[in-house]
Amino acid sequence: MVGWPVLYSVIALLLVDSTTCDNLGGWGGWGPWSSCSVTCGFGSIRRNKQWEYPDGRVANYTLTKIVECFINRTCPVHGGWGMWTGWTRCPVMCGGANVTRTRLCDAPEPSNGGKFCNGSASDSFICNNATCPEIPTDFDMRSCFNDSMFLCESREHCVPKTLRCDFELNCHDGTDERGCIISLGMGINSSIQKSKFLAVIFTLLTLLEKLFII
């Protein structure tokens, strides 16, 4: 350990009078070195000595010597979670379905025997779980062959085009409302539809505000 940087740390300093120095005693011998503070890479070792009185008593004063140590072994790197992906698109407008997001244990990736990330790599919740409208018992598909009707994506039901994007589910699969919010209200042509649109926008803004506050 010759030539290594040495740090002396005096936890307590005893002031002595030179005329009574012999009666006050002096520092005892150094104790053994501790083990290195780490199991890999750079750390420190230390040893102590204490103030001893002539009568054999030991004072509560300690002088500590700290020296750098190095364990020639590659340290393990424990894994850390990266950012979540965005949520998957909800595949339904009603009836409920799972949407998911995922993340990778790559910030950093575990290496050299390091631990894998704690927790789950995926997350999910149920989206659009409102009850879907039922197809009326007297519904006739022949009514869909009309320019004034909107054909639902299932091609098993249709509704009047005037009900498209009115913020109420009318198709049995809810697809008459798909993509309507993205249009930011374009084509809303009645006071009732406008009020529903504004209510939805207000709800979305409230949710966003809560997210940012949290």
N, C-alpha and C. Protein backbone atom coordinates (compact mmCIF):
# COMPACT_ATOMS: atom_id res chain seq x y z
N MET A 1 0.82 -1.20 0.00
CA MET A 1 0.00 0.00 0.00
C MET A 1 0.85 1.25 0.00
N VAL A 2 2.14 1.13 -0.23
CA VAL A 2 3.02 2.28 -0.29
C VAL A 2 2.69 3.09 -1.53
N GLY A 3 2.59 4.39 -1.37
CA GLY A 3 2.31 5.25 -2.51
C GLY A 3 0.85 5.49 -2.76
N TRP A 4 -0.06 4.74 -2.09
CA TRP A 4 -1.49 4.97 -2.28
C TRP A 4 -1.90 6.21 -1.51
N PRO A 5 -2.91 6.94 -1.99
CA PRO A 5 -3.37 8.13 -1.26
C PRO A 5 -3.91 7.74 0.10
N VAL A 6 -3.54 8.50 1.09
CA VAL A 6 -3.92 8.22 2.47
C VAL A 6 -4.71 9.39 3.00
N LEU A 7 -5.81 9.11 3.65
CA LEU A 7 -6.65 10.15 4.24
C LEU A 7 -6.69 9.90 5.73
N TYR A 8 -6.24 10.87 6.48
CA TYR A 8 -6.29 10.78 7.93
C TYR A 8 -7.51 11.53 8.44
N SER A 9 -8.28 10.87 9.25
CA SER A 9 -9.48 11.48 9.79
C SER A 9 -9.41 11.44 11.30
N VAL A 10 -9.33 12.59 11.91
CA VAL A 10 -9.28 12.67 13.36
C VAL A 10 -10.67 13.00 13.85
N ILE A 11 -11.32 12.04 14.48
CA ILE A 11 -12.67 12.24 14.94
C ILE A 11 -12.70 13.18 16.16
N ALA A 12 -11.72 13.09 17.00
CA ALA A 12 -11.66 13.99 18.15
C ALA A 12 -10.22 14.41 18.35
N LEU A 13 -10.01 15.63 18.74
CA LEU A 13 -8.66 16.17 18.92
C LEU A 13 -8.49 16.52 20.39
N LEU A 14 -7.44 16.00 21.00
CA LEU A 14 -7.16 16.26 22.41
C LEU A 14 -6.08 17.32 22.49
N LEU A 15 -6.39 18.44 23.15
CA LEU A 15 -5.41 19.50 23.36
C LEU A 15 -4.71 19.24 24.68
N VAL A 16 -3.39 19.23 24.65
CA VAL A 16 -2.63 18.91 25.86
C VAL A 16 -1.66 20.03 26.18
N ASP A 17 -1.36 20.13 27.44
CA ASP A 17 -0.35 21.08 27.93
C ASP A 17 0.99 20.37 27.97
N SER A 18 2.00 20.97 27.35
CA SER A 18 3.31 20.30 27.25
C SER A 18 3.91 20.02 28.61
N THR A 19 3.50 20.77 29.64
CA THR A 19 4.09 20.56 30.97
C THR A 19 3.52 19.34 31.65
N THR A 20 2.33 18.88 31.18
CA THR A 20 1.71 17.72 31.81
C THR A 20 1.50 16.60 30.80
N CYS A 21 2.26 16.63 29.69
CA CYS A 21 2.04 15.68 28.60
C CYS A 21 2.21 14.24 29.06
N ASP A 22 3.21 14.01 29.92
CA ASP A 22 3.46 12.63 30.33
C ASP A 22 2.29 12.06 31.12
N ASN A 23 1.61 12.91 31.90
CA ASN A 23 0.49 12.43 32.71
C ASN A 23 -0.75 12.15 31.86
N LEU A 24 -0.82 12.79 30.70
CA LEU A 24 -2.01 12.62 29.87
C LEU A 24 -1.93 11.42 28.94
N GLY A 25 -0.80 10.81 28.80
CA GLY A 25 -0.66 9.65 27.96
C GLY A 25 -0.41 9.99 26.50
N GLY A 26 -0.78 9.10 25.60
CA GLY A 26 -0.55 9.33 24.18
C GLY A 26 -1.30 8.32 23.33
N TRP A 27 -1.10 8.43 22.02
CA TRP A 27 -1.78 7.51 21.11
C TRP A 27 -1.20 6.11 21.22
N GLY A 28 -2.08 5.13 21.25
CA GLY A 28 -1.65 3.74 21.26
C GLY A 28 -1.26 3.27 19.87
N GLY A 29 -1.03 1.98 19.73
CA GLY A 29 -0.64 1.43 18.43
C GLY A 29 -1.84 1.28 17.49
N TRP A 30 -1.53 1.17 16.21
CA TRP A 30 -2.59 1.00 15.20
C TRP A 30 -3.22 -0.39 15.32
N GLY A 31 -4.51 -0.44 15.14
CA GLY A 31 -5.21 -1.71 15.09
C GLY A 31 -5.08 -2.33 13.70
N PRO A 32 -5.65 -3.51 13.49
CA PRO A 32 -5.55 -4.17 12.18
C PRO A 32 -6.39 -3.44 11.12
N TRP A 33 -6.01 -3.65 9.88
CA TRP A 33 -6.78 -3.09 8.77
C TRP A 33 -8.11 -3.82 8.64
N SER A 34 -9.14 -3.06 8.30
CA SER A 34 -10.44 -3.67 8.01
C SER A 34 -10.40 -4.32 6.63
N SER A 35 -11.43 -5.07 6.31
CA SER A 35 -11.54 -5.59 4.94
C SER A 35 -11.99 -4.47 4.02
N CYS A 36 -11.82 -4.65 2.73
CA CYS A 36 -12.20 -3.63 1.76
C CYS A 36 -13.71 -3.40 1.83
N SER A 37 -14.13 -2.15 1.69
CA SER A 37 -15.55 -1.80 1.84
C SER A 37 -16.41 -2.28 0.69
N VAL A 38 -15.81 -2.76 -0.38
CA VAL A 38 -16.57 -3.24 -1.53
C VAL A 38 -16.08 -4.63 -1.91
N THR A 39 -16.84 -5.32 -2.74
CA THR A 39 -16.43 -6.64 -3.22
C THR A 39 -15.94 -6.60 -4.66
N CYS A 40 -16.00 -5.42 -5.26
CA CYS A 40 -15.48 -5.25 -6.62
C CYS A 40 -15.15 -3.77 -6.82
N GLY A 41 -14.16 -3.52 -7.67
CA GLY A 41 -13.82 -2.13 -7.97
C GLY A 41 -13.12 -1.44 -6.81
N PHE A 42 -13.24 -0.10 -6.77
CA PHE A 42 -12.54 0.71 -5.77
C PHE A 42 -13.38 0.89 -4.52
N GLY A 43 -12.71 0.82 -3.36
CA GLY A 43 -13.34 1.06 -2.07
C GLY A 43 -12.32 1.62 -1.11
N SER A 44 -12.46 1.29 0.16
CA SER A 44 -11.52 1.80 1.17
C SER A 44 -11.34 0.78 2.28
N ILE A 45 -10.18 0.84 2.91
CA ILE A 45 -9.91 0.09 4.14
C ILE A 45 -9.51 1.10 5.20
N ARG A 46 -9.65 0.72 6.46
CA ARG A 46 -9.32 1.65 7.54
C ARG A 46 -8.78 0.90 8.75
N ARG A 47 -8.07 1.64 9.57
CA ARG A 47 -7.64 1.11 10.86
C ARG A 47 -7.62 2.27 11.85
N ASN A 48 -7.74 1.93 13.14
CA ASN A 48 -7.87 2.95 14.18
C ASN A 48 -6.80 2.79 15.26
N LYS A 49 -6.57 3.88 15.97
CA LYS A 49 -5.83 3.80 17.23
C LYS A 49 -6.46 4.79 18.20
N GLN A 50 -6.31 4.50 19.50
CA GLN A 50 -6.97 5.29 20.53
C GLN A 50 -5.96 5.89 21.50
N TRP A 51 -6.44 6.93 22.19
CA TRP A 51 -5.61 7.60 23.19
C TRP A 51 -5.58 6.75 24.47
N GLU A 52 -4.37 6.51 24.97
CA GLU A 52 -4.21 5.66 26.14
C GLU A 52 -3.55 6.46 27.27
N TYR A 53 -4.10 6.32 28.49
CA TYR A 53 -3.53 6.96 29.68
C TYR A 53 -2.45 6.06 30.29
N PRO A 54 -1.54 6.65 31.06
CA PRO A 54 -0.47 5.84 31.67
C PRO A 54 -0.99 4.72 32.56
N ASP A 55 -2.16 4.90 33.15
CA ASP A 55 -2.68 3.85 34.02
C ASP A 55 -3.41 2.75 33.26
N GLY A 56 -3.37 2.79 31.92
CA GLY A 56 -3.98 1.74 31.11
C GLY A 56 -5.37 2.05 30.61
N ARG A 57 -5.96 3.12 31.11
CA ARG A 57 -7.30 3.47 30.62
C ARG A 57 -7.22 3.96 29.18
N VAL A 58 -8.30 3.74 28.45
CA VAL A 58 -8.39 4.17 27.06
C VAL A 58 -9.43 5.27 26.95
N ALA A 59 -9.05 6.40 26.40
CA ALA A 59 -9.98 7.52 26.25
C ALA A 59 -10.87 7.31 25.02
N ASN A 60 -11.92 8.06 25.00
CA ASN A 60 -12.87 7.94 23.88
C ASN A 60 -12.45 8.87 22.74
N TYR A 61 -11.19 8.82 22.37
CA TYR A 61 -10.65 9.58 21.25
C TYR A 61 -10.05 8.58 20.26
N THR A 62 -10.41 8.72 19.01
CA THR A 62 -9.97 7.76 17.99
C THR A 62 -9.34 8.48 16.81
N LEU A 63 -8.23 7.98 16.36
CA LEU A 63 -7.58 8.45 15.14
C LEU A 63 -7.75 7.36 14.09
N THR A 64 -8.27 7.73 12.93
CA THR A 64 -8.58 6.76 11.89
C THR A 64 -7.76 7.04 10.65
N LYS A 65 -7.17 6.01 10.10
CA LYS A 65 -6.43 6.10 8.83
C LYS A 65 -7.24 5.36 7.77
N ILE A 66 -7.53 6.04 6.66
CA ILE A 66 -8.32 5.46 5.57
C ILE A 66 -7.48 5.41 4.31
N VAL A 67 -7.43 4.24 3.69
CA VAL A 67 -6.62 4.03 2.49
C VAL A 67 -7.50 3.42 1.40
N GLU A 68 -7.27 3.83 0.18
CA GLU A 68 -8.03 3.28 -0.95
C GLU A 68 -7.64 1.82 -1.19
N CYS A 69 -8.64 1.02 -1.57
CA CYS A 69 -8.39 -0.37 -1.92
C CYS A 69 -9.07 -0.67 -3.26
N PHE A 70 -8.64 -1.72 -3.89
CA PHE A 70 -9.20 -2.10 -5.18
C PHE A 70 -9.34 -3.61 -5.25
N ILE A 71 -10.55 -4.08 -5.58
CA ILE A 71 -10.82 -5.50 -5.78
C ILE A 71 -10.90 -5.73 -7.29
N ASN A 72 -9.99 -6.50 -7.81
CA ASN A 72 -9.90 -6.71 -9.26
C ASN A 72 -10.96 -7.71 -9.70
N ARG A 73 -12.20 -7.24 -9.70
CA ARG A 73 -13.32 -8.07 -10.10
C ARG A 73 -14.38 -7.16 -10.75
N THR A 74 -14.95 -7.59 -11.86
CA THR A 74 -15.97 -6.78 -12.54
C THR A 74 -17.23 -6.73 -11.70
N CYS A 75 -17.74 -5.54 -11.46
CA CYS A 75 -18.93 -5.37 -10.62
C CYS A 75 -20.19 -5.76 -11.40
N PRO A 76 -21.17 -6.38 -10.73
CA PRO A 76 -22.45 -6.66 -11.39
C PRO A 76 -23.21 -5.37 -11.63
N VAL A 77 -23.95 -5.33 -12.73
CA VAL A 77 -24.80 -4.18 -13.06
C VAL A 77 -26.25 -4.64 -12.97
N HIS A 78 -26.99 -4.05 -12.05
CA HIS A 78 -28.40 -4.41 -11.89
C HIS A 78 -29.25 -3.69 -12.93
N GLY A 79 -30.29 -4.37 -13.39
CA GLY A 79 -31.15 -3.82 -14.43
C GLY A 79 -32.04 -2.70 -13.94
N GLY A 80 -32.43 -1.84 -14.85
CA GLY A 80 -33.37 -0.75 -14.57
C GLY A 80 -34.40 -0.65 -15.68
N TRP A 81 -35.64 -0.31 -15.32
CA TRP A 81 -36.70 -0.24 -16.32
C TRP A 81 -36.53 0.97 -17.23
N GLY A 82 -36.79 0.75 -18.52
CA GLY A 82 -36.84 1.85 -19.48
C GLY A 82 -38.23 2.48 -19.49
N MET A 83 -38.48 3.37 -20.43
CA MET A 83 -39.76 4.06 -20.52
C MET A 83 -40.86 3.09 -21.00
N TRP A 84 -42.09 3.36 -20.52
CA TRP A 84 -43.24 2.61 -21.02
C TRP A 84 -43.49 2.97 -22.48
N THR A 85 -43.96 2.00 -23.25
CA THR A 85 -44.45 2.31 -24.58
C THR A 85 -45.81 3.00 -24.44
N GLY A 86 -46.33 3.50 -25.54
CA GLY A 86 -47.70 4.02 -25.50
C GLY A 86 -48.70 2.88 -25.38
N TRP A 87 -49.92 3.23 -24.96
CA TRP A 87 -50.97 2.21 -24.87
C TRP A 87 -51.37 1.74 -26.26
N THR A 88 -51.68 0.48 -26.38
CA THR A 88 -52.20 -0.03 -27.66
C THR A 88 -53.58 0.58 -27.92
N ARG A 89 -53.98 0.58 -29.17
CA ARG A 89 -55.28 1.16 -29.54
C ARG A 89 -56.40 0.26 -29.06
N CYS A 90 -57.41 0.89 -28.50
CA CYS A 90 -58.57 0.11 -28.05
C CYS A 90 -59.29 -0.45 -29.28
N PRO A 91 -59.47 -1.76 -29.36
CA PRO A 91 -60.05 -2.35 -30.58
C PRO A 91 -61.56 -2.25 -30.67
N VAL A 92 -62.23 -1.84 -29.60
CA VAL A 92 -63.69 -1.79 -29.61
C VAL A 92 -64.15 -0.42 -29.13
N MET A 93 -65.38 -0.10 -29.47
CA MET A 93 -65.99 1.14 -29.00
C MET A 93 -66.91 0.90 -27.81
N CYS A 94 -67.21 -0.35 -27.55
CA CYS A 94 -68.06 -0.72 -26.42
C CYS A 94 -67.84 -2.19 -26.12
N GLY A 95 -68.33 -2.64 -24.99
CA GLY A 95 -68.19 -4.05 -24.65
C GLY A 95 -66.92 -4.39 -23.90
N GLY A 96 -65.92 -3.53 -23.96
CA GLY A 96 -64.69 -3.72 -23.19
C GLY A 96 -63.67 -4.59 -23.89
N ALA A 97 -62.41 -4.21 -23.77
CA ALA A 97 -61.28 -4.98 -24.29
C ALA A 97 -60.02 -4.53 -23.57
N ASN A 98 -59.02 -5.34 -23.64
CA ASN A 98 -57.75 -5.01 -23.00
C ASN A 98 -56.90 -4.11 -23.88
N VAL A 99 -56.33 -3.07 -23.28
CA VAL A 99 -55.26 -2.33 -23.93
C VAL A 99 -54.02 -2.50 -23.07
N THR A 100 -52.87 -2.54 -23.68
CA THR A 100 -51.64 -2.84 -22.96
C THR A 100 -50.54 -1.86 -23.29
N ARG A 101 -49.55 -1.84 -22.44
CA ARG A 101 -48.29 -1.14 -22.71
C ARG A 101 -47.17 -1.99 -22.13
N THR A 102 -45.97 -1.83 -22.63
CA THR A 102 -44.85 -2.65 -22.20
C THR A 102 -43.62 -1.78 -21.94
N ARG A 103 -42.66 -2.36 -21.27
CA ARG A 103 -41.38 -1.70 -21.03
C ARG A 103 -40.28 -2.75 -20.99
N LEU A 104 -39.07 -2.32 -21.22
CA LEU A 104 -37.93 -3.23 -21.25
C LEU A 104 -36.98 -2.94 -20.09
N CYS A 105 -36.35 -3.99 -19.63
CA CYS A 105 -35.34 -3.85 -18.58
C CYS A 105 -34.00 -3.55 -19.25
N ASP A 106 -33.88 -2.31 -19.72
CA ASP A 106 -32.69 -1.96 -20.52
C ASP A 106 -32.11 -0.61 -20.15
N ALA A 107 -32.38 -0.13 -18.94
CA ALA A 107 -31.87 1.18 -18.57
C ALA A 107 -31.22 1.15 -17.17
N PRO A 108 -30.11 0.39 -17.00
CA PRO A 108 -29.42 -0.41 -18.01
C PRO A 108 -29.89 -1.86 -18.00
N GLU A 109 -29.40 -2.62 -18.97
CA GLU A 109 -29.62 -4.06 -18.97
C GLU A 109 -28.76 -4.69 -17.88
N PRO A 110 -29.26 -5.72 -17.19
CA PRO A 110 -28.43 -6.40 -16.19
C PRO A 110 -27.25 -7.11 -16.86
N SER A 111 -26.11 -7.05 -16.22
CA SER A 111 -24.93 -7.71 -16.76
C SER A 111 -24.01 -8.13 -15.61
N ASN A 112 -23.08 -9.01 -15.92
CA ASN A 112 -22.10 -9.49 -14.94
C ASN A 112 -22.77 -10.07 -13.68
N GLY A 113 -23.87 -10.76 -13.89
CA GLY A 113 -24.56 -11.37 -12.74
C GLY A 113 -25.49 -10.42 -12.01
N GLY A 114 -25.76 -9.25 -12.58
CA GLY A 114 -26.67 -8.30 -11.94
C GLY A 114 -28.11 -8.78 -11.95
N LYS A 115 -28.94 -8.21 -11.08
CA LYS A 115 -30.33 -8.64 -10.95
C LYS A 115 -31.20 -8.05 -12.05
N PHE A 116 -32.20 -8.83 -12.46
CA PHE A 116 -33.19 -8.34 -13.41
C PHE A 116 -34.12 -7.36 -12.70
N CYS A 117 -34.78 -6.51 -13.45
CA CYS A 117 -35.66 -5.49 -12.88
C CYS A 117 -36.79 -6.13 -12.06
N ASN A 118 -37.15 -5.48 -10.97
CA ASN A 118 -38.32 -5.90 -10.19
C ASN A 118 -39.59 -5.34 -10.84
N GLY A 119 -40.66 -6.07 -10.73
CA GLY A 119 -41.93 -5.59 -11.27
C GLY A 119 -42.27 -6.22 -12.60
N SER A 120 -43.37 -5.77 -13.17
CA SER A 120 -43.89 -6.36 -14.41
C SER A 120 -43.43 -5.58 -15.63
N ALA A 121 -43.22 -6.31 -16.72
CA ALA A 121 -42.82 -5.68 -17.98
C ALA A 121 -44.02 -5.23 -18.79
N SER A 122 -45.23 -5.49 -18.31
CA SER A 122 -46.42 -5.09 -19.05
C SER A 122 -47.48 -4.57 -18.10
N ASP A 123 -48.39 -3.79 -18.64
CA ASP A 123 -49.48 -3.21 -17.87
C ASP A 123 -50.72 -3.21 -18.77
N SER A 124 -51.90 -3.27 -18.18
CA SER A 124 -53.12 -3.31 -18.99
C SER A 124 -54.30 -2.76 -18.22
N PHE A 125 -55.32 -2.38 -18.94
CA PHE A 125 -56.60 -2.02 -18.33
C PHE A 125 -57.71 -2.25 -19.35
N ILE A 126 -58.95 -2.24 -18.88
CA ILE A 126 -60.11 -2.46 -19.75
C ILE A 126 -60.55 -1.11 -20.32
N CYS A 127 -60.64 -1.04 -21.63
CA CYS A 127 -61.07 0.19 -22.28
C CYS A 127 -62.49 0.05 -22.82
N ASN A 128 -63.16 1.18 -22.95
CA ASN A 128 -64.48 1.26 -23.59
C ASN A 128 -65.41 0.12 -23.15
N ASN A 129 -65.65 0.06 -21.85
CA ASN A 129 -66.45 -1.06 -21.32
C ASN A 129 -67.93 -0.72 -21.19
N ALA A 130 -68.38 0.33 -21.87
CA ALA A 130 -69.82 0.62 -21.87
C ALA A 130 -70.57 -0.50 -22.58
N THR A 131 -71.81 -0.70 -22.19
CA THR A 131 -72.63 -1.75 -22.80
C THR A 131 -72.98 -1.38 -24.25
N CYS A 132 -72.80 -2.30 -25.15
CA CYS A 132 -73.10 -2.04 -26.56
C CYS A 132 -74.61 -2.07 -26.80
N PRO A 133 -75.11 -1.21 -27.70
CA PRO A 133 -76.54 -1.28 -28.06
C PRO A 133 -76.86 -2.62 -28.72
N GLU A 134 -78.08 -3.04 -28.57
CA GLU A 134 -78.50 -4.27 -29.22
C GLU A 134 -79.13 -3.96 -30.57
N ILE A 135 -79.01 -4.90 -31.49
CA ILE A 135 -79.67 -4.73 -32.79
C ILE A 135 -81.17 -4.91 -32.57
N PRO A 136 -81.96 -3.93 -33.00
CA PRO A 136 -83.41 -4.05 -32.80
C PRO A 136 -83.96 -5.34 -33.41
N THR A 137 -84.93 -5.90 -32.76
CA THR A 137 -85.51 -7.18 -33.24
C THR A 137 -86.19 -7.02 -34.60
N ASP A 138 -86.66 -5.82 -34.90
CA ASP A 138 -87.34 -5.61 -36.18
C ASP A 138 -86.42 -5.02 -37.24
N PHE A 139 -85.09 -5.10 -36.97
CA PHE A 139 -84.15 -4.50 -37.91
C PHE A 139 -84.11 -5.31 -39.21
N ASP A 140 -84.07 -4.59 -40.33
CA ASP A 140 -84.02 -5.21 -41.66
C ASP A 140 -82.80 -4.68 -42.38
N MET A 141 -81.87 -5.57 -42.74
CA MET A 141 -80.64 -5.16 -43.42
C MET A 141 -80.92 -4.45 -44.74
N ARG A 142 -82.09 -4.67 -45.32
CA ARG A 142 -82.39 -4.01 -46.59
C ARG A 142 -82.46 -2.49 -46.43
N SER A 143 -82.68 -2.04 -45.18
CA SER A 143 -82.73 -0.59 -44.94
C SER A 143 -81.36 0.06 -45.07
N CYS A 144 -80.31 -0.77 -45.07
CA CYS A 144 -78.95 -0.23 -45.16
C CYS A 144 -78.60 0.19 -46.58
N PHE A 145 -79.35 -0.28 -47.57
CA PHE A 145 -79.07 0.08 -48.96
C PHE A 145 -79.69 1.43 -49.28
N ASN A 146 -79.23 2.41 -48.56
CA ASN A 146 -79.78 3.75 -48.67
C ASN A 146 -78.66 4.73 -48.34
N ASP A 147 -78.51 5.75 -49.13
CA ASP A 147 -77.41 6.71 -48.93
C ASP A 147 -77.53 7.46 -47.61
N SER A 148 -78.66 7.45 -47.01
CA SER A 148 -78.84 8.17 -45.75
C SER A 148 -78.46 7.33 -44.54
N MET A 149 -78.03 6.08 -44.78
CA MET A 149 -77.72 5.17 -43.67
C MET A 149 -76.21 4.96 -43.56
N PHE A 150 -75.75 4.81 -42.32
CA PHE A 150 -74.34 4.50 -42.03
C PHE A 150 -74.24 3.02 -41.70
N LEU A 151 -73.39 2.31 -42.46
CA LEU A 151 -73.22 0.88 -42.25
C LEU A 151 -72.17 0.65 -41.16
N CYS A 152 -72.56 -0.04 -40.10
CA CYS A 152 -71.62 -0.33 -39.00
C CYS A 152 -70.51 -1.26 -39.50
N GLU A 153 -69.37 -1.21 -38.84
CA GLU A 153 -68.21 -1.99 -39.31
C GLU A 153 -68.49 -3.48 -39.35
N SER A 154 -69.34 -3.98 -38.47
CA SER A 154 -69.65 -5.41 -38.47
C SER A 154 -70.45 -5.82 -39.71
N ARG A 155 -71.01 -4.84 -40.43
CA ARG A 155 -71.88 -5.07 -41.58
C ARG A 155 -73.09 -5.93 -41.21
N GLU A 156 -73.48 -5.83 -39.95
CA GLU A 156 -74.68 -6.53 -39.49
C GLU A 156 -75.75 -5.55 -39.04
N HIS A 157 -75.43 -4.26 -39.10
CA HIS A 157 -76.33 -3.26 -38.56
C HIS A 157 -76.04 -1.94 -39.25
N CYS A 158 -77.00 -1.07 -39.34
CA CYS A 158 -76.78 0.27 -39.85
C CYS A 158 -77.68 1.24 -39.10
N VAL A 159 -77.27 2.50 -39.10
CA VAL A 159 -78.04 3.54 -38.42
C VAL A 159 -78.08 4.77 -39.33
N PRO A 160 -79.00 5.70 -39.11
CA PRO A 160 -79.03 6.91 -39.92
C PRO A 160 -77.71 7.69 -39.80
N LYS A 161 -77.26 8.27 -40.90
CA LYS A 161 -76.02 9.03 -40.88
C LYS A 161 -76.09 10.22 -39.95
N THR A 162 -77.27 10.70 -39.69
CA THR A 162 -77.41 11.83 -38.77
C THR A 162 -77.00 11.47 -37.34
N LEU A 163 -76.95 10.17 -37.05
CA LEU A 163 -76.53 9.73 -35.72
C LEU A 163 -75.02 9.50 -35.63
N ARG A 164 -74.34 9.65 -36.75
CA ARG A 164 -72.88 9.48 -36.77
C ARG A 164 -72.22 10.63 -36.00
N CYS A 165 -71.36 10.28 -35.06
CA CYS A 165 -70.59 11.25 -34.26
C CYS A 165 -71.50 12.17 -33.44
N ASP A 166 -72.54 11.60 -32.85
CA ASP A 166 -73.39 12.40 -31.97
C ASP A 166 -73.07 12.12 -30.50
N PHE A 167 -71.97 11.41 -30.26
CA PHE A 167 -71.49 11.07 -28.92
C PHE A 167 -72.45 10.15 -28.17
N GLU A 168 -73.22 9.39 -28.93
CA GLU A 168 -74.03 8.30 -28.38
C GLU A 168 -73.81 7.07 -29.25
N LEU A 169 -73.71 5.91 -28.61
CA LEU A 169 -73.51 4.68 -29.36
C LEU A 169 -74.84 4.24 -29.96
N ASN A 170 -74.86 4.07 -31.26
CA ASN A 170 -76.07 3.64 -31.96
C ASN A 170 -75.87 2.32 -32.69
N CYS A 171 -74.71 2.16 -33.35
CA CYS A 171 -74.38 0.85 -33.93
C CYS A 171 -74.25 -0.18 -32.81
N HIS A 172 -74.55 -1.41 -33.11
CA HIS A 172 -74.45 -2.45 -32.07
C HIS A 172 -72.99 -2.69 -31.68
N ASP A 173 -72.03 -2.26 -32.53
CA ASP A 173 -70.61 -2.37 -32.18
C ASP A 173 -70.01 -1.01 -31.85
N GLY A 174 -70.84 0.02 -31.81
CA GLY A 174 -70.37 1.36 -31.43
C GLY A 174 -69.54 2.07 -32.47
N THR A 175 -69.41 1.52 -33.67
CA THR A 175 -68.48 2.11 -34.64
C THR A 175 -69.00 3.39 -35.28
N ASP A 176 -70.25 3.77 -35.00
CA ASP A 176 -70.70 5.07 -35.51
C ASP A 176 -70.02 6.23 -34.78
N GLU A 177 -69.30 5.93 -33.67
CA GLU A 177 -68.58 6.96 -32.93
C GLU A 177 -67.06 6.84 -33.07
N ARG A 178 -66.60 5.86 -33.84
CA ARG A 178 -65.15 5.67 -33.98
C ARG A 178 -64.53 6.84 -34.74
N GLY A 179 -63.45 7.39 -34.19
CA GLY A 179 -62.71 8.47 -34.85
C GLY A 179 -63.35 9.83 -34.74
N CYS A 180 -64.45 9.95 -34.03
CA CYS A 180 -65.16 11.23 -34.00
C CYS A 180 -64.44 12.27 -33.16
N ILE A 181 -63.85 11.87 -32.03
CA ILE A 181 -63.17 12.84 -31.17
C ILE A 181 -61.94 13.39 -31.88
N ILE A 182 -61.29 12.57 -32.69
CA ILE A 182 -60.11 13.02 -33.43
C ILE A 182 -60.47 14.14 -34.39
N SER A 183 -61.73 14.12 -34.86
CA SER A 183 -62.14 15.16 -35.81
C SER A 183 -62.35 16.50 -35.14
N LEU A 184 -62.22 16.54 -33.77
CA LEU A 184 -62.36 17.78 -33.01
C LEU A 184 -63.67 18.50 -33.27
N GLY A 185 -64.72 17.71 -33.46
CA GLY A 185 -66.04 18.30 -33.55
C GLY A 185 -66.44 18.79 -34.91
N MET A 186 -65.63 18.58 -35.94
CA MET A 186 -66.00 19.03 -37.27
C MET A 186 -67.28 18.32 -37.71
N GLY A 187 -68.22 19.06 -38.22
CA GLY A 187 -69.46 18.46 -38.70
C GLY A 187 -70.55 18.41 -37.67
N ILE A 188 -70.28 18.92 -36.44
CA ILE A 188 -71.35 18.95 -35.44
C ILE A 188 -72.32 20.05 -35.85
N ASN A 189 -73.55 19.68 -36.06
CA ASN A 189 -74.48 20.63 -36.67
C ASN A 189 -75.76 20.82 -35.87
N SER A 190 -75.74 20.50 -34.59
CA SER A 190 -76.91 20.77 -33.77
C SER A 190 -76.45 21.20 -32.39
N SER A 191 -77.29 21.98 -31.72
CA SER A 191 -76.93 22.47 -30.39
C SER A 191 -76.75 21.33 -29.41
N ILE A 192 -77.55 20.24 -29.55
CA ILE A 192 -77.42 19.09 -28.66
C ILE A 192 -76.07 18.41 -28.87
N GLN A 193 -75.70 18.20 -30.15
CA GLN A 193 -74.42 17.57 -30.44
C GLN A 193 -73.26 18.43 -29.95
N LYS A 194 -73.37 19.74 -30.13
CA LYS A 194 -72.30 20.64 -29.69
C LYS A 194 -72.14 20.59 -28.18
N SER A 195 -73.25 20.55 -27.46
CA SER A 195 -73.15 20.50 -26.00
C SER A 195 -72.52 19.18 -25.54
N LYS A 196 -72.86 18.08 -26.21
CA LYS A 196 -72.24 16.79 -25.88
C LYS A 196 -70.75 16.81 -26.18
N PHE A 197 -70.40 17.42 -27.33
CA PHE A 197 -68.99 17.51 -27.70
C PHE A 197 -68.21 18.31 -26.66
N LEU A 198 -68.76 19.45 -26.25
CA LEU A 198 -68.08 20.29 -25.26
C LEU A 198 -67.95 19.57 -23.93
N ALA A 199 -68.96 18.77 -23.57
CA ALA A 199 -68.88 18.01 -22.33
C ALA A 199 -67.76 16.99 -22.38
N VAL A 200 -67.59 16.33 -23.52
CA VAL A 200 -66.50 15.36 -23.67
C VAL A 200 -65.15 16.05 -23.60
N ILE A 201 -65.01 17.19 -24.30
CA ILE A 201 -63.75 17.93 -24.29
C ILE A 201 -63.42 18.38 -22.87
N PHE A 202 -64.42 18.86 -22.12
CA PHE A 202 -64.20 19.29 -20.75
C PHE A 202 -63.71 18.11 -19.89
N THR A 203 -64.33 16.95 -20.09
CA THR A 203 -63.91 15.76 -19.33
C THR A 203 -62.47 15.39 -19.65
N LEU A 204 -62.11 15.43 -20.93
CA LEU A 204 -60.74 15.11 -21.32
C LEU A 204 -59.75 16.09 -20.71
N LEU A 205 -60.07 17.38 -20.75
CA LEU A 205 -59.19 18.39 -20.17
C LEU A 205 -59.03 18.20 -18.67
N THR A 206 -60.10 17.82 -18.00
CA THR A 206 -60.04 17.57 -16.55
C THR A 206 -59.11 16.41 -16.25
N LEU A 207 -59.23 15.33 -17.04
CA LEU A 207 -58.35 14.17 -16.84
C LEU A 207 -56.90 14.52 -17.08
N LEU A 208 -56.63 15.31 -18.13
CA LEU A 208 -55.26 15.72 -18.42
C LEU A 208 -54.70 16.58 -17.30
N GLU A 209 -55.52 17.47 -16.76
CA GLU A 209 -55.07 18.32 -15.67
C GLU A 209 -54.69 17.49 -14.46
N LYS A 210 -55.50 16.45 -14.14
CA LYS A 210 -55.20 15.58 -13.01
C LYS A 210 -53.90 14.83 -13.23
N LEU A 211 -53.68 14.38 -14.46
CA LEU A 211 -52.45 13.64 -14.77
C LEU A 211 -51.23 14.50 -14.54
N PHE A 212 -51.28 15.76 -15.00
CA PHE A 212 -50.12 16.64 -14.85
C PHE A 212 -49.91 17.05 -13.42
N ILE A 213 -51.00 17.21 -12.66
CA ILE A 213 -50.85 17.56 -11.24
C ILE A 213 -50.22 16.44 -10.47
N ILE A 214 -50.62 15.20 -10.77
CA ILE A 214 -50.04 14.03 -10.10
C ILE A 214 -48.60 13.86 -10.50
